[in-house]
Amino acid sequence: MALTKKEWLALEKKAYELRSLCLETTNWAGSGHIGGGMSVMDMLTILYHKYLNIKVEDPNWEDRDRFILSKGHAGIAYAPVLVDKGFNDPEQLKTFNLTNSKMGIHLDANKVVGVDASTGSLGHGLSIALGTALAARVLGKSYKTYCILGDGECDEGSNWEAAMAITGFKATNVISFVDRNRCMIDGRTEDVMPLEPFADKWRAFGFHVFDIDGNNLNELSEAIDYALGEPDAPVMIIANTKKGEGIDFMEDDYHWHYGALDEAKYEQAKKSLEAHYKKRVARAEKEGK
C-alpha cells in the first residue's frame, strides 16, 4: 500500500532531520563513513518510524522485531537514528568514534542500546538475520527480522550461503535489503567485482526481488508491505541509492566512502541537505495521495 501524502511528508521531514544529525555526527567525530550513511538513511527512517515493532522503554523486549545493519560501517547513520528515537543519550553522538566512547565506528550491541547485533565484519549480517528468524520459529514468536546489506559486501561468499539457507528454510520472516549505491571503498562495485545481473542472482536463489529506487520512501513502503503480506518466498529489496544522497558534492562518488569535512564543506553540505529536502517535499506533494 502506498504511503498517504501525510505519512510521506512526515517521513521526508524525519529523513532530513536524521541526515542533518548524521552530518553533525561526522563533524563532531572529525570523519566517518558519511557517504554510505546518507545512502542508507531512507531505509533506516522508514523502518524505525513506520514498520519496526519495538519499545524504546524496553529495548530487550523478547517480542520486538529485530534489525541487523550488516553494513555496520554505516553506524554513523545508525547512531543518530537510535539517539533520535530515544534509545541513547544525545550527548553520546558528540563522542562518536572518539577514545573511550561507547559509540565506536561499528556499533557494539553490548554498549549501544537498541543494537541487536555487532556488525562491520562484512558478510555476516544476513547469516545473523537467518539465525534470529529461525529462533522466532522455534520459540513460536511472530517478530520479523530486517537486514540491510551493502552491495560491496555482496562480494562475500557468506552472504550467498545465507541466501541459500534463507530460501531453503523458507524463512519469510526475514526481510532483506541491499543498499545498492554502486560504490565501495576502492571504487565502483562493477569495476572492483561486478555484481550484475544482481537481481537475477537473488531470484536464482529463490527470492522475490523488488528492484526499486531506494531513496524513494513510497517505493520502499510498497516493497516492505509486500514482504509483510505472507509471501510464498523470502523477499529481497534491492534499494538503488546514491552514495552521499542529499549532499551534492558527495553524490555517487566512491571517494566519500569515508571522509572528513572542513568548515567550508560542512556549511556547503548543510545547504545542500536543505535544498535536497525541498526537492523531496515537492515530489511527495506531487505524487502523494
C-alpha atoms as a PDB file:
ATOM      1  CA  MET A   1       0.000   0.000   0.000  1.00  0.00           C
ATOM      2  CA  ALA A   2       1.349   3.423  -0.937  1.00  0.00           C
ATOM      3  CA  LEU A   3       2.077   5.993   1.745  1.00  0.00           C
ATOM      4  CA  THR A   4      -0.519   8.672   2.315  1.00  0.00           C
ATOM      5  CA  LYS A   5       0.725  12.147   1.473  1.00  0.00           C
ATOM      6  CA  LYS A   6       0.669  12.994   5.190  1.00  0.00           C
ATOM      7  CA  GLU A   7       2.812   9.950   6.036  1.00  0.00           C
ATOM      8  CA  TRP A   8       5.195  10.627   3.170  1.00  0.00           C
ATOM      9  CA  LEU A   9       5.748  14.259   4.156  1.00  0.00           C
ATOM     10  CA  ALA A  10       6.291  13.300   7.802  1.00  0.00           C
ATOM     11  CA  LEU A  11       8.863  10.686   6.810  1.00  0.00           C
ATOM     12  CA  GLU A  12      10.628  13.151   4.498  1.00  0.00           C
ATOM     13  CA  LYS A  13      10.926  15.589   7.391  1.00  0.00           C
ATOM     14  CA  LYS A  14      12.347  12.870   9.627  1.00  0.00           C
ATOM     15  CA  ALA A  15      14.794  11.680   6.946  1.00  0.00           C
ATOM     16  CA  TYR A  16      16.034  15.264   6.563  1.00  0.00           C
ATOM     17  CA  GLU A  17      16.452  15.648  10.322  1.00  0.00           C
ATOM     18  CA  LEU A  18      18.369  12.365  10.523  1.00  0.00           C
ATOM     19  CA  ARG A  19      20.626  13.209   7.571  1.00  0.00           C
ATOM     20  CA  SER A  20      21.387  16.526   9.243  1.00  0.00           C
ATOM     21  CA  LEU A  21      22.192  14.729  12.502  1.00  0.00           C
ATOM     22  CA  CYS A  22      24.435  12.290  10.611  1.00  0.00           C
ATOM     23  CA  LEU A  23      26.287  15.278   9.159  1.00  0.00           C
ATOM     24  CA  GLU A  24      26.647  16.800  12.645  1.00  0.00           C
ATOM     25  CA  THR A  25      27.957  13.495  13.989  1.00  0.00           C
ATOM     26  CA  THR A  26      30.539  13.311  11.208  1.00  0.00           C
ATOM     27  CA  ASN A  27      31.626  16.841  12.040  1.00  0.00           C
ATOM     28  CA  TRP A  28      31.950  16.052  15.768  1.00  0.00           C
ATOM     29  CA  ALA A  29      33.864  12.846  15.033  1.00  0.00           C
ATOM     30  CA  GLY A  30      36.202  14.558  12.595  1.00  0.00           C
ATOM     31  CA  SER A  31      35.499  11.966   9.889  1.00  0.00           C
ATOM     32  CA  GLY A  32      33.326   8.970   9.121  1.00  0.00           C
ATOM     33  CA  HIS A  33      31.536   6.765   6.602  1.00  0.00           C
ATOM     34  CA  ILE A  34      29.177   9.560   5.634  1.00  0.00           C
ATOM     35  CA  GLY A  35      28.605   8.518   2.006  1.00  0.00           C
ATOM     36  CA  GLY A  36      27.040   5.167   2.832  1.00  0.00           C
ATOM     37  CA  GLY A  37      25.303   6.703   5.819  1.00  0.00           C
ATOM     38  CA  MET A  38      23.441   9.119   3.589  1.00  0.00           C
ATOM     39  CA  SER A  39      22.511   6.450   1.040  1.00  0.00           C
ATOM     40  CA  VAL A  40      21.007   4.101   3.647  1.00  0.00           C
ATOM     41  CA  MET A  41      19.164   6.761   5.661  1.00  0.00           C
ATOM     42  CA  ASP A  42      15.811   6.443   3.907  1.00  0.00           C
ATOM     43  CA  MET A  43      15.682   2.735   4.737  1.00  0.00           C
ATOM     44  CA  LEU A  44      16.565   3.428   8.360  1.00  0.00           C
ATOM     45  CA  THR A  45      13.992   6.210   8.547  1.00  0.00           C
ATOM     46  CA  ILE A  46      11.058   4.205   7.228  1.00  0.00           C
ATOM     47  CA  LEU A  47      11.903   1.133   9.291  1.00  0.00           C
ATOM     48  CA  TYR A  48      12.265   2.993  12.588  1.00  0.00           C
ATOM     49  CA  HIS A  49       9.382   5.394  12.019  1.00  0.00           C
ATOM     50  CA  LYS A  50       6.796   3.183  10.347  1.00  0.00           C
ATOM     51  CA  TYR A  51       7.499  -0.541  10.484  1.00  0.00           C
ATOM     52  CA  LEU A  52       9.643  -1.797  13.351  1.00  0.00           C
ATOM     53  CA  ASN A  53       7.637  -3.170  16.279  1.00  0.00           C
ATOM     54  CA  ILE A  54       9.907  -2.083  19.133  1.00  0.00           C
ATOM     55  CA  LYS A  55       9.663  -0.487  22.571  1.00  0.00           C
ATOM     56  CA  VAL A  56      12.108   2.278  23.473  1.00  0.00           C
ATOM     57  CA  GLU A  57      11.265   1.811  27.151  1.00  0.00           C
ATOM     58  CA  ASP A  58      12.020  -1.934  26.879  1.00  0.00           C
ATOM     59  CA  PRO A  59      14.814  -2.369  24.296  1.00  0.00           C
ATOM     60  CA  ASN A  60      15.236  -6.074  25.101  1.00  0.00           C
ATOM     61  CA  TRP A  61      11.528  -6.885  24.776  1.00  0.00           C
ATOM     62  CA  GLU A  62      11.569 -10.502  23.593  1.00  0.00           C
ATOM     63  CA  ASP A  63       8.765  -9.988  21.057  1.00  0.00           C
ATOM     64  CA  ARG A  64      10.387  -6.996  19.353  1.00  0.00           C
ATOM     65  CA  ASP A  65      11.276  -7.016  15.678  1.00  0.00           C
ATOM     66  CA  ARG A  66      14.998  -7.470  15.102  1.00  0.00           C
ATOM     67  CA  PHE A  67      17.108  -5.178  12.932  1.00  0.00           C
ATOM     68  CA  ILE A  68      20.553  -6.104  11.609  1.00  0.00           C
ATOM     69  CA  LEU A  69      22.633  -3.411   9.919  1.00  0.00           C
ATOM     70  CA  SER A  70      25.007  -5.747   8.132  1.00  0.00           C
ATOM     71  CA  LYS A  71      26.876  -2.811   6.576  1.00  0.00           C
ATOM     72  CA  GLY A  72      27.984  -1.883  10.053  1.00  0.00           C
ATOM     73  CA  HIS A  73      30.285   0.918   8.922  1.00  0.00           C
ATOM     74  CA  ALA A  74      27.080   2.938   8.372  1.00  0.00           C
ATOM     75  CA  GLY A  75      26.948   3.238  12.162  1.00  0.00           C
ATOM     76  CA  ILE A  76      27.447   6.968  11.710  1.00  0.00           C
ATOM     77  CA  ALA A  77      23.890   6.994  10.318  1.00  0.00           C
ATOM     78  CA  TYR A  78      22.502   4.314  12.628  1.00  0.00           C
ATOM     79  CA  ALA A  79      23.673   6.002  15.845  1.00  0.00           C
ATOM     80  CA  PRO A  80      21.719   9.214  15.127  1.00  0.00           C
ATOM     81  CA  VAL A  81      18.611   7.135  14.375  1.00  0.00           C
ATOM     82  CA  LEU A  82      18.861   5.355  17.743  1.00  0.00           C
ATOM     83  CA  VAL A  83      19.538   8.589  19.608  1.00  0.00           C
ATOM     84  CA  ASP A  84      16.682  10.412  17.896  1.00  0.00           C
ATOM     85  CA  LYS A  85      14.353   7.516  18.692  1.00  0.00           C
ATOM     86  CA  GLY A  86      15.230   7.834  22.375  1.00  0.00           C
ATOM     87  CA  PHE A  87      17.370   4.738  22.998  1.00  0.00           C
ATOM     88  CA  ASN A  88      20.586   6.621  23.827  1.00  0.00           C
ATOM     89  CA  ASP A  89      21.754   9.940  25.276  1.00  0.00           C
ATOM     90  CA  PRO A  90      22.191  12.585  22.526  1.00  0.00           C
ATOM     91  CA  GLU A  91      25.472  13.665  24.126  1.00  0.00           C
ATOM     92  CA  GLN A  92      26.981  10.337  23.059  1.00  0.00           C
ATOM     93  CA  LEU A  93      26.921  11.452  19.421  1.00  0.00           C
ATOM     94  CA  LYS A  94      29.432  14.177  20.254  1.00  0.00           C
ATOM     95  CA  THR A  95      31.935  11.456  21.184  1.00  0.00           C
ATOM     96  CA  PHE A  96      31.259   9.158  18.204  1.00  0.00           C
ATOM     97  CA  ASN A  97      34.398   7.134  17.389  1.00  0.00           C
ATOM     98  CA  LEU A  98      36.477   9.089  19.897  1.00  0.00           C
ATOM     99  CA  THR A  99      38.614   7.474  22.601  1.00  0.00           C
ATOM    100  CA  ASN A 100      36.576   5.758  25.345  1.00  0.00           C
ATOM    101  CA  SER A 101      33.267   6.468  23.635  1.00  0.00           C
ATOM    102  CA  LYS A 102      30.501   3.865  23.847  1.00  0.00           C
ATOM    103  CA  MET A 103      29.783   4.608  20.208  1.00  0.00           C
ATOM    104  CA  GLY A 104      32.591   3.189  18.124  1.00  0.00           C
ATOM    105  CA  ILE A 105      32.681   3.394  14.354  1.00  0.00           C
ATOM    106  CA  HIS A 106      30.945  -0.016  14.251  1.00  0.00           C
ATOM    107  CA  LEU A 107      28.205  -0.017  16.883  1.00  0.00           C
ATOM    108  CA  ASP A 108      28.704  -2.574  19.651  1.00  0.00           C
ATOM    109  CA  ALA A 109      25.489  -4.292  20.766  1.00  0.00           C
ATOM    110  CA  ASN A 110      26.920  -4.575  24.296  1.00  0.00           C
ATOM    111  CA  LYS A 111      27.455  -0.807  24.546  1.00  0.00           C
ATOM    112  CA  VAL A 112      24.818   0.918  22.403  1.00  0.00           C
ATOM    113  CA  VAL A 113      21.198   0.471  23.465  1.00  0.00           C
ATOM    114  CA  GLY A 114      18.892  -0.713  20.691  1.00  0.00           C
ATOM    115  CA  VAL A 115      21.519  -2.515  18.602  1.00  0.00           C
ATOM    116  CA  ASP A 116      20.606  -6.170  18.049  1.00  0.00           C
ATOM    117  CA  ALA A 117      23.935  -7.315  16.563  1.00  0.00           C
ATOM    118  CA  SER A 118      27.501  -6.042  16.409  1.00  0.00           C
ATOM    119  CA  THR A 119      28.407  -5.873  12.725  1.00  0.00           C
ATOM    120  CA  GLY A 120      31.009  -4.423  10.445  1.00  0.00           C
ATOM    121  CA  SER A 121      32.928  -7.615   9.803  1.00  0.00           C
ATOM    122  CA  LEU A 122      31.255  -7.633   6.428  1.00  0.00           C
ATOM    123  CA  GLY A 123      29.338 -10.599   5.114  1.00  0.00           C
ATOM    124  CA  HIS A 124      27.931 -11.829   8.436  1.00  0.00           C
ATOM    125  CA  GLY A 125      24.718  -9.850   8.880  1.00  0.00           C
ATOM    126  CA  LEU A 126      22.461 -11.939   6.669  1.00  0.00           C
ATOM    127  CA  SER A 127      23.535 -15.108   8.468  1.00  0.00           C
ATOM    128  CA  ILE A 128      22.736 -13.491  11.820  1.00  0.00           C
ATOM    129  CA  ALA A 129      19.335 -12.450  10.449  1.00  0.00           C
ATOM    130  CA  LEU A 130      18.595 -16.032   9.464  1.00  0.00           C
ATOM    131  CA  GLY A 131      19.531 -17.122  12.994  1.00  0.00           C
ATOM    132  CA  THR A 132      17.117 -14.686  14.649  1.00  0.00           C
ATOM    133  CA  ALA A 133      14.395 -15.671  12.170  1.00  0.00           C
ATOM    134  CA  LEU A 134      14.804 -19.369  12.900  1.00  0.00           C
ATOM    135  CA  ALA A 135      14.834 -18.605  16.628  1.00  0.00           C
ATOM    136  CA  ALA A 136      11.444 -16.915  16.206  1.00  0.00           C
ATOM    137  CA  ARG A 137      10.134 -20.056  14.528  1.00  0.00           C
ATOM    138  CA  VAL A 138      11.436 -22.340  17.287  1.00  0.00           C
ATOM    139  CA  LEU A 139      10.078 -20.076  20.038  1.00  0.00           C
ATOM    140  CA  GLY A 140       6.724 -19.571  18.346  1.00  0.00           C
ATOM    141  CA  LYS A 141       7.283 -15.816  18.046  1.00  0.00           C
ATOM    142  CA  SER A 142       5.803 -13.616  15.324  1.00  0.00           C
ATOM    143  CA  TYR A 143       8.545 -10.989  15.184  1.00  0.00           C
ATOM    144  CA  LYS A 144      10.238 -10.101  11.901  1.00  0.00           C
ATOM    145  CA  THR A 145      13.948  -9.651  11.219  1.00  0.00           C
ATOM    146  CA  TYR A 146      15.013  -6.854   8.899  1.00  0.00           C
ATOM    147  CA  CYS A 147      18.549  -6.885   7.466  1.00  0.00           C
ATOM    148  CA  ILE A 148      20.345  -4.254   5.373  1.00  0.00           C
ATOM    149  CA  LEU A 149      23.401  -5.308   3.375  1.00  0.00           C
ATOM    150  CA  GLY A 150      25.842  -3.147   1.489  1.00  0.00           C
ATOM    151  CA  ASP A 151      26.354  -4.015  -2.162  1.00  0.00           C
ATOM    152  CA  GLY A 152      30.131  -4.105  -1.721  1.00  0.00           C
ATOM    153  CA  GLU A 153      29.812  -6.790   0.952  1.00  0.00           C
ATOM    154  CA  CYS A 154      27.906  -8.951  -1.522  1.00  0.00           C
ATOM    155  CA  ASP A 155      31.364  -9.926  -2.795  1.00  0.00           C
ATOM    156  CA  GLU A 156      31.500 -12.089   0.334  1.00  0.00           C
ATOM    157  CA  GLY A 157      30.542 -15.731  -0.210  1.00  0.00           C
ATOM    158  CA  SER A 158      28.962 -15.986   3.230  1.00  0.00           C
ATOM    159  CA  ASN A 159      26.071 -13.838   2.015  1.00  0.00           C
ATOM    160  CA  TRP A 160      25.258 -16.335  -0.716  1.00  0.00           C
ATOM    161  CA  GLU A 161      25.409 -19.229   1.753  1.00  0.00           C
ATOM    162  CA  ALA A 162      22.925 -17.310   3.894  1.00  0.00           C
ATOM    163  CA  ALA A 163      20.749 -16.634   0.850  1.00  0.00           C
ATOM    164  CA  MET A 164      20.654 -20.333   0.009  1.00  0.00           C
ATOM    165  CA  ALA A 165      19.729 -21.188   3.602  1.00  0.00           C
ATOM    166  CA  ILE A 166      17.048 -18.479   3.913  1.00  0.00           C
ATOM    167  CA  THR A 167      15.152 -19.782   0.917  1.00  0.00           C
ATOM    168  CA  GLY A 168      15.927 -23.386   1.802  1.00  0.00           C
ATOM    169  CA  PHE A 169      14.314 -22.923   5.209  1.00  0.00           C
ATOM    170  CA  LYS A 170      11.581 -20.723   3.696  1.00  0.00           C
ATOM    171  CA  ALA A 171      12.388 -18.029   6.243  1.00  0.00           C
ATOM    172  CA  THR A 172       9.853 -15.486   5.015  1.00  0.00           C
ATOM    173  CA  ASN A 173      10.137 -13.711   8.374  1.00  0.00           C
ATOM    174  CA  VAL A 174      13.464 -12.275   7.155  1.00  0.00           C
ATOM    175  CA  ILE A 175      13.034  -9.092   5.095  1.00  0.00           C
ATOM    176  CA  SER A 176      16.306  -8.226   3.358  1.00  0.00           C
ATOM    177  CA  PHE A 177      17.625  -5.098   1.666  1.00  0.00           C
ATOM    178  CA  VAL A 178      20.753  -4.235  -0.273  1.00  0.00           C
ATOM    179  CA  ASP A 179      21.887  -0.610  -0.230  1.00  0.00           C
ATOM    180  CA  ARG A 180      22.809  -0.626  -3.932  1.00  0.00           C
ATOM    181  CA  ASN A 181      24.773   2.614  -4.200  1.00  0.00           C
ATOM    182  CA  ARG A 182      27.279   1.005  -6.603  1.00  0.00           C
ATOM    183  CA  CYS A 183      30.272   2.344  -4.683  1.00  0.00           C
ATOM    184  CA  MET A 184      32.696   0.713  -2.271  1.00  0.00           C
ATOM    185  CA  ILE A 185      35.900   1.712  -0.546  1.00  0.00           C
ATOM    186  CA  ASP A 186      38.237   1.223  -3.515  1.00  0.00           C
ATOM    187  CA  GLY A 187      35.982   2.160  -6.424  1.00  0.00           C
ATOM    188  CA  ARG A 188      32.717   1.358  -8.130  1.00  0.00           C
ATOM    189  CA  THR A 189      31.345  -2.103  -7.439  1.00  0.00           C
ATOM    190  CA  GLU A 190      31.185  -3.039 -11.097  1.00  0.00           C
ATOM    191  CA  ASP A 191      34.876  -2.182 -11.505  1.00  0.00           C
ATOM    192  CA  VAL A 192      36.059  -3.970  -8.346  1.00  0.00           C
ATOM    193  CA  MET A 193      33.890  -7.108  -8.563  1.00  0.00           C
ATOM    194  CA  PRO A 194      30.914  -6.997 -10.939  1.00  0.00           C
ATOM    195  CA  LEU A 195      27.602  -7.920  -9.311  1.00  0.00           C
ATOM    196  CA  GLU A 196      25.287  -7.681 -12.303  1.00  0.00           C
ATOM    197  CA  PRO A 197      22.917  -9.244 -13.173  1.00  0.00           C
ATOM    198  CA  PHE A 198      22.339  -8.626  -9.485  1.00  0.00           C
ATOM    199  CA  ALA A 199      18.558  -9.033  -9.221  1.00  0.00           C
ATOM    200  CA  ASP A 200      18.707 -12.237 -11.260  1.00  0.00           C
ATOM    201  CA  LYS A 201      21.200 -13.723  -8.807  1.00  0.00           C
ATOM    202  CA  TRP A 202      18.787 -13.275  -5.895  1.00  0.00           C
ATOM    203  CA  ARG A 203      15.920 -14.634  -7.985  1.00  0.00           C
ATOM    204  CA  ALA A 204      18.036 -17.686  -8.803  1.00  0.00           C
ATOM    205  CA  PHE A 205      18.381 -18.312  -5.070  1.00  0.00           C
ATOM    206  CA  GLY A 206      14.593 -18.274  -4.746  1.00  0.00           C
ATOM    207  CA  PHE A 207      13.819 -14.750  -3.526  1.00  0.00           C
ATOM    208  CA  HIS A 208      11.008 -12.475  -4.584  1.00  0.00           C
ATOM    209  CA  VAL A 209      13.001  -9.436  -5.715  1.00  0.00           C
ATOM    210  CA  PHE A 210      11.998  -5.777  -5.713  1.00  0.00           C
ATOM    211  CA  ASP A 211      14.420  -3.614  -7.728  1.00  0.00           C
ATOM    212  CA  ILE A 212      13.442  -0.107  -6.633  1.00  0.00           C
ATOM    213  CA  ASP A 213      14.545   3.460  -6.021  1.00  0.00           C
ATOM    214  CA  GLY A 214      15.895   3.093  -2.507  1.00  0.00           C
ATOM    215  CA  ASN A 215      15.808   6.837  -1.924  1.00  0.00           C
ATOM    216  CA  ASN A 216      12.067   6.943  -2.609  1.00  0.00           C
ATOM    217  CA  LEU A 217      10.165   6.369   0.628  1.00  0.00           C
ATOM    218  CA  ASN A 218       6.951   5.460  -1.170  1.00  0.00           C
ATOM    219  CA  GLU A 219       8.625   2.708  -3.210  1.00  0.00           C
ATOM    220  CA  LEU A 220      10.276   1.368  -0.071  1.00  0.00           C
ATOM    221  CA  SER A 221       6.909   1.269   1.685  1.00  0.00           C
ATOM    222  CA  GLU A 222       5.237  -0.675  -1.125  1.00  0.00           C
ATOM    223  CA  ALA A 223       8.038  -3.276  -1.169  1.00  0.00           C
ATOM    224  CA  ILE A 224       8.007  -3.710   2.620  1.00  0.00           C
ATOM    225  CA  ASP A 225       4.227  -4.033   2.653  1.00  0.00           C
ATOM    226  CA  TYR A 226       4.502  -6.891   0.139  1.00  0.00           C
ATOM    227  CA  ALA A 227       7.134  -8.606   2.286  1.00  0.00           C
ATOM    228  CA  LEU A 228       4.835  -8.363   5.313  1.00  0.00           C
ATOM    229  CA  GLY A 229       1.908  -9.839   3.414  1.00  0.00           C
ATOM    230  CA  GLU A 230       2.822 -13.514   3.884  1.00  0.00           C
ATOM    231  CA  PRO A 231       4.601 -14.091   0.557  1.00  0.00           C
ATOM    232  CA  ASP A 232       5.387 -17.655  -0.518  1.00  0.00           C
ATOM    233  CA  ALA A 233       9.137 -16.928  -0.620  1.00  0.00           C
ATOM    234  CA  PRO A 234      11.556 -14.580   1.195  1.00  0.00           C
ATOM    235  CA  VAL A 235      11.831 -11.035  -0.141  1.00  0.00           C
ATOM    236  CA  MET A 236      14.975  -9.180  -1.195  1.00  0.00           C
ATOM    237  CA  ILE A 237      14.622  -5.445  -1.763  1.00  0.00           C
ATOM    238  CA  ILE A 238      17.404  -4.086  -3.958  1.00  0.00           C
ATOM    239  CA  ALA A 239      17.353  -0.426  -2.999  1.00  0.00           C
ATOM    240  CA  ASN A 240      19.084   1.547  -5.728  1.00  0.00           C
ATOM    241  CA  THR A 241      20.533   4.562  -3.936  1.00  0.00           C
ATOM    242  CA  LYS A 242      23.151   7.269  -4.335  1.00  0.00           C
ATOM    243  CA  LYS A 243      26.271   7.347  -2.247  1.00  0.00           C
ATOM    244  CA  GLY A 244      26.092  10.599  -0.313  1.00  0.00           C
ATOM    245  CA  GLU A 245      22.379  11.136  -1.103  1.00  0.00           C
ATOM    246  CA  GLY A 246      21.448  14.737  -0.373  1.00  0.00           C
ATOM    247  CA  ILE A 247      24.952  16.236  -0.360  1.00  0.00           C
ATOM    248  CA  ASP A 248      25.665  17.332  -3.913  1.00  0.00           C
ATOM    249  CA  PHE A 249      29.463  17.134  -3.880  1.00  0.00           C
ATOM    250  CA  MET A 250      29.383  13.618  -2.394  1.00  0.00           C
ATOM    251  CA  GLU A 251      26.689  12.028  -4.527  1.00  0.00           C
ATOM    252  CA  ASP A 252      27.700   8.929  -6.491  1.00  0.00           C
ATOM    253  CA  ASP A 253      31.375   9.420  -5.616  1.00  0.00           C
ATOM    254  CA  TYR A 254      33.149   6.431  -4.058  1.00  0.00           C
ATOM    255  CA  HIS A 255      35.819   8.728  -2.611  1.00  0.00           C
ATOM    256  CA  TRP A 256      33.199   9.647   0.019  1.00  0.00           C
ATOM    257  CA  HIS A 257      33.013   6.094   1.331  1.00  0.00           C
ATOM    258  CA  TYR A 258      34.906   7.635   4.249  1.00  0.00           C
ATOM    259  CA  GLY A 259      35.794  11.272   4.574  1.00  0.00           C
ATOM    260  CA  ALA A 260      36.259  14.416   6.616  1.00  0.00           C
ATOM    261  CA  LEU A 261      34.730  17.868   6.266  1.00  0.00           C
ATOM    262  CA  ASP A 262      36.403  21.208   6.743  1.00  0.00           C
ATOM    263  CA  GLU A 263      34.258  24.170   7.761  1.00  0.00           C
ATOM    264  CA  ALA A 264      33.531  25.228   4.179  1.00  0.00           C
ATOM    265  CA  LYS A 265      32.425  21.747   3.120  1.00  0.00           C
ATOM    266  CA  TYR A 266      30.373  21.360   6.285  1.00  0.00           C
ATOM    267  CA  GLU A 267      28.454  24.563   5.520  1.00  0.00           C
ATOM    268  CA  GLN A 268      28.069  23.542   1.879  1.00  0.00           C
ATOM    269  CA  ALA A 269      26.724  20.155   2.964  1.00  0.00           C
ATOM    270  CA  LYS A 270      24.112  21.771   5.229  1.00  0.00           C
ATOM    271  CA  LYS A 271      22.867  23.970   2.393  1.00  0.00           C
ATOM    272  CA  SER A 272      22.768  21.006   0.046  1.00  0.00           C
ATOM    273  CA  LEU A 273      20.679  18.975   2.500  1.00  0.00           C
ATOM    274  CA  GLU A 274      18.217  21.854   2.798  1.00  0.00           C
ATOM    275  CA  ALA A 275      17.834  22.037  -0.995  1.00  0.00           C
ATOM    276  CA  HIS A 276      17.536  18.260  -1.198  1.00  0.00           C
ATOM    277  CA  TYR A 277      14.750  18.283   1.391  1.00  0.00           C
ATOM    278  CA  LYS A 278      12.793  20.888  -0.572  1.00  0.00           C
ATOM    279  CA  LYS A 279      13.027  18.752  -3.725  1.00  0.00           C
ATOM    280  CA  ARG A 280      11.883  15.680  -1.849  1.00  0.00           C
ATOM    281  CA  VAL A 281       8.931  17.545  -0.342  1.00  0.00           C
ATOM    282  CA  ALA A 282       7.944  18.738  -3.813  1.00  0.00           C
ATOM    283  CA  ARG A 283       7.977  15.149  -5.065  1.00  0.00           C
ATOM    284  CA  ALA A 284       5.832  13.952  -2.183  1.00  0.00           C
ATOM    285  CA  GLU A 285       3.383  16.814  -2.711  1.00  0.00           C
ATOM    286  CA  LYS A 286       3.126  15.962  -6.401  1.00  0.00           C
ATOM    287  CA  GLU A 287       2.963  12.171  -6.203  1.00  0.00           C
ATOM    288  CA  GLY A 288       1.325  11.606  -2.808  1.00  0.00           C
ATOM    289  CA  LYS A 289      -2.373  10.970  -2.408  1.00  0.00           C
END
